Amino acid sequence: MFDTIVLPTDGSDHAEVAAETGIELATAHDAAVHVVSVADTGLLGGLRLPGEAASAEDAMRGRAQESVDAVVEAAEAASLEPTGAVLDGPPAEAILEYARDVDADLIVMGTRGRGGVHRMAMGSVTDHVVRFGDVPVFVANSESSVE
């Protein structure tokens, strides 16, 4: 049923729970797995930071790569052969574009389970992907699974 599954991650506990679900689905369907994280540098990309990172963009890309690497490692432990990528741009748009590019059958994402006014005030990458994408989205609500 699923040939290609995209697993977006931001390194959060909620994304980790979703990745576990996505890995289980990929294993059950013998699907290709694409693990992505978005370095949304926006206006901060050129900001210089003290310490080891040369810029905010470098720091964000490093964090995104660490997030991808962790999920890729988990997928490999499940005998999958995942592809990992760090994307640029606004997260929801970057995820949707990547899913279209790889002809994904499914996107598996996490959510904190917030809704209503709180979601409207904060915005939600998952909500945007669900509402504006043309790829089915499995939303793993980890509110009760993650402390």
Protein backbone atom coordinates (compact mmCIF):
# COMPACT_ATOMS: atom_id res chain seq x y z
CA MET A 1 0.00 0.00 0.00
CA PHE A 2 2.84 2.43 0.83
CA ASP A 3 5.96 2.51 -1.32
CA THR A 4 7.58 5.74 -0.11
CA ILE A 5 7.21 7.26 3.36
CA VAL A 6 8.58 10.65 4.43
CA LEU A 7 9.44 11.07 8.11
CA PRO A 8 9.97 14.74 9.03
CA THR A 9 11.77 15.31 12.32
CA ASP A 10 12.80 18.26 14.44
CA GLY A 11 14.50 16.12 17.07
CA SER A 12 11.68 16.53 19.59
CA ASP A 13 10.23 13.70 21.63
CA HIS A 14 7.02 14.06 19.63
CA ALA A 15 8.86 13.65 16.33
CA GLU A 16 10.66 10.62 17.77
CA VAL A 17 7.35 8.91 18.57
CA ALA A 18 6.13 9.66 15.03
CA ALA A 19 9.39 8.30 13.56
CA GLU A 20 8.91 5.04 15.47
CA THR A 21 5.42 4.76 13.97
CA GLY A 22 6.73 5.58 10.50
CA ILE A 23 9.49 2.99 10.79
CA GLU A 24 6.93 0.35 11.81
CA LEU A 25 4.74 1.24 8.82
CA ALA A 26 7.72 1.20 6.44
CA THR A 27 8.78 -2.20 7.74
CA ALA A 28 5.26 -3.62 7.39
CA HIS A 29 4.89 -2.29 3.83
CA ASP A 30 8.51 -2.74 2.71
CA ALA A 31 8.51 0.98 1.88
CA ALA A 32 11.37 3.33 1.13
CA VAL A 33 11.99 5.79 3.96
CA HIS A 34 13.04 9.42 3.59
CA VAL A 35 14.00 11.19 6.81
CA VAL A 36 14.01 14.98 6.59
CA SER A 37 14.58 17.92 8.87
CA VAL A 38 14.24 21.57 7.92
CA ALA A 39 16.79 24.24 8.79
CA ASP A 40 14.41 27.18 8.80
CA THR A 41 16.98 29.96 8.96
CA GLY A 42 14.71 32.73 7.72
CA LEU A 43 15.94 36.12 8.83
CA LEU A 44 18.41 34.63 11.32
CA GLY A 45 20.61 32.92 8.72
CA GLY A 46 23.27 35.62 8.63
CA LEU A 47 23.37 36.21 12.40
CA ARG A 48 26.81 35.54 13.87
CA LEU A 49 26.94 33.50 17.06
CA PRO A 50 29.65 33.23 19.71
CA GLY A 51 31.38 29.89 20.09
CA GLU A 52 31.92 27.13 17.60
CA ALA A 53 29.08 27.82 15.17
CA ALA A 54 30.01 30.41 12.57
CA SER A 55 26.41 31.52 12.10
CA ALA A 56 22.86 30.83 13.18
CA GLU A 57 22.39 29.02 9.87
CA ASP A 58 25.32 26.68 10.64
CA ALA A 59 23.89 25.96 14.09
CA MET A 60 20.42 25.24 12.70
CA ARG A 61 21.78 23.02 9.95
CA GLY A 62 23.87 21.11 12.50
CA ARG A 63 20.86 20.54 14.73
CA ALA A 64 18.76 19.44 11.75
CA GLN A 65 21.47 17.00 10.65
CA GLU A 66 21.66 15.52 14.16
CA SER A 67 17.88 15.01 14.10
CA VAL A 68 18.04 13.28 10.71
CA ASP A 69 20.98 11.11 11.77
CA ALA A 70 19.13 9.85 14.87
CA VAL A 71 16.08 8.72 12.87
CA VAL A 72 18.21 7.27 10.07
CA GLU A 73 20.04 5.21 12.69
CA ALA A 74 16.74 3.94 14.11
CA ALA A 75 15.49 3.03 10.63
CA GLU A 76 18.72 1.19 9.85
CA ALA A 77 18.37 -0.73 13.12
CA ALA A 78 14.99 -1.90 11.76
CA SER A 79 16.76 -3.21 8.62
CA LEU A 80 15.56 -0.35 6.43
CA GLU A 81 17.77 1.62 4.04
CA PRO A 82 16.66 5.21 4.66
CA THR A 83 17.62 8.37 2.82
CA GLY A 84 18.31 11.40 4.97
CA ALA A 85 18.17 15.06 3.97
CA VAL A 86 18.38 18.50 5.55
CA LEU A 87 16.03 20.89 3.78
CA ASP A 88 15.92 24.68 3.62
CA GLY A 89 13.01 27.08 3.84
CA PRO A 90 9.75 27.31 5.71
CA PRO A 91 9.27 23.84 7.24
CA ALA A 92 5.79 22.94 5.98
CA GLU A 93 6.47 24.05 2.42
CA ALA A 94 9.87 22.31 2.35
CA ILE A 95 8.35 19.04 3.61
CA LEU A 96 5.52 19.15 1.07
CA GLU A 97 7.89 19.94 -1.80
CA TYR A 98 10.22 17.09 -0.80
CA ALA A 99 7.29 14.66 -0.53
CA ARG A 100 6.16 15.62 -4.04
CA ASP A 101 9.71 15.30 -5.40
CA VAL A 102 10.10 11.72 -4.11
CA ASP A 103 6.51 10.80 -5.01
CA ALA A 104 5.69 9.94 -1.39
CA ASP A 105 2.63 7.86 -0.58
CA LEU A 106 2.59 8.94 3.07
CA ILE A 107 4.04 11.51 5.46
CA VAL A 108 4.24 10.48 9.12
CA MET A 109 4.49 13.41 11.52
CA GLY A 110 4.12 14.07 15.21
CA THR A 111 2.02 16.58 17.05
CA ARG A 112 1.71 17.66 20.63
CA GLY A 113 -2.05 17.22 20.34
CA ARG A 114 -2.83 20.87 20.81
CA GLY A 115 -5.82 22.31 19.08
CA GLY A 116 -8.19 25.21 18.81
CA VAL A 117 -6.97 28.63 19.87
CA HIS A 118 -3.59 27.36 21.03
CA ARG A 119 -2.81 25.89 17.59
CA MET A 120 -3.96 29.08 15.85
CA ALA A 121 -1.77 31.22 18.11
CA MET A 122 1.34 29.08 17.76
CA GLY A 123 0.89 27.74 14.24
CA SER A 124 1.62 24.15 13.40
CA VAL A 125 3.82 22.62 10.75
CA THR A 126 1.82 19.40 10.93
CA ASP A 127 -1.46 21.28 10.59
CA HIS A 128 -0.18 23.10 7.50
CA VAL A 129 1.05 19.86 5.90
CA VAL A 130 -2.31 18.20 6.54
CA ARG A 131 -4.36 21.12 5.23
CA PHE A 132 -2.34 22.12 2.18
CA GLY A 133 -0.59 18.97 1.05
CA ASP A 134 -1.72 16.45 -1.51
CA VAL A 135 0.01 13.52 0.19
CA PRO A 136 -1.81 11.56 2.95
CA VAL A 137 -0.50 12.38 6.43
CA PHE A 138 -0.47 10.01 9.39
CA VAL A 139 -0.43 12.19 12.50
CA ALA A 140 1.02 10.48 15.55
CA ASN A 141 -0.40 12.29 18.56
CA SER A 142 2.19 11.76 21.22
CA GLU A 143 0.55 13.86 23.95
CA SER A 144 -0.09 10.82 26.10
CA SER A 145 3.13 9.03 25.10
CA VAL A 146 5.68 11.74 25.83
CA GLU A 147 6.21 13.55 29.10
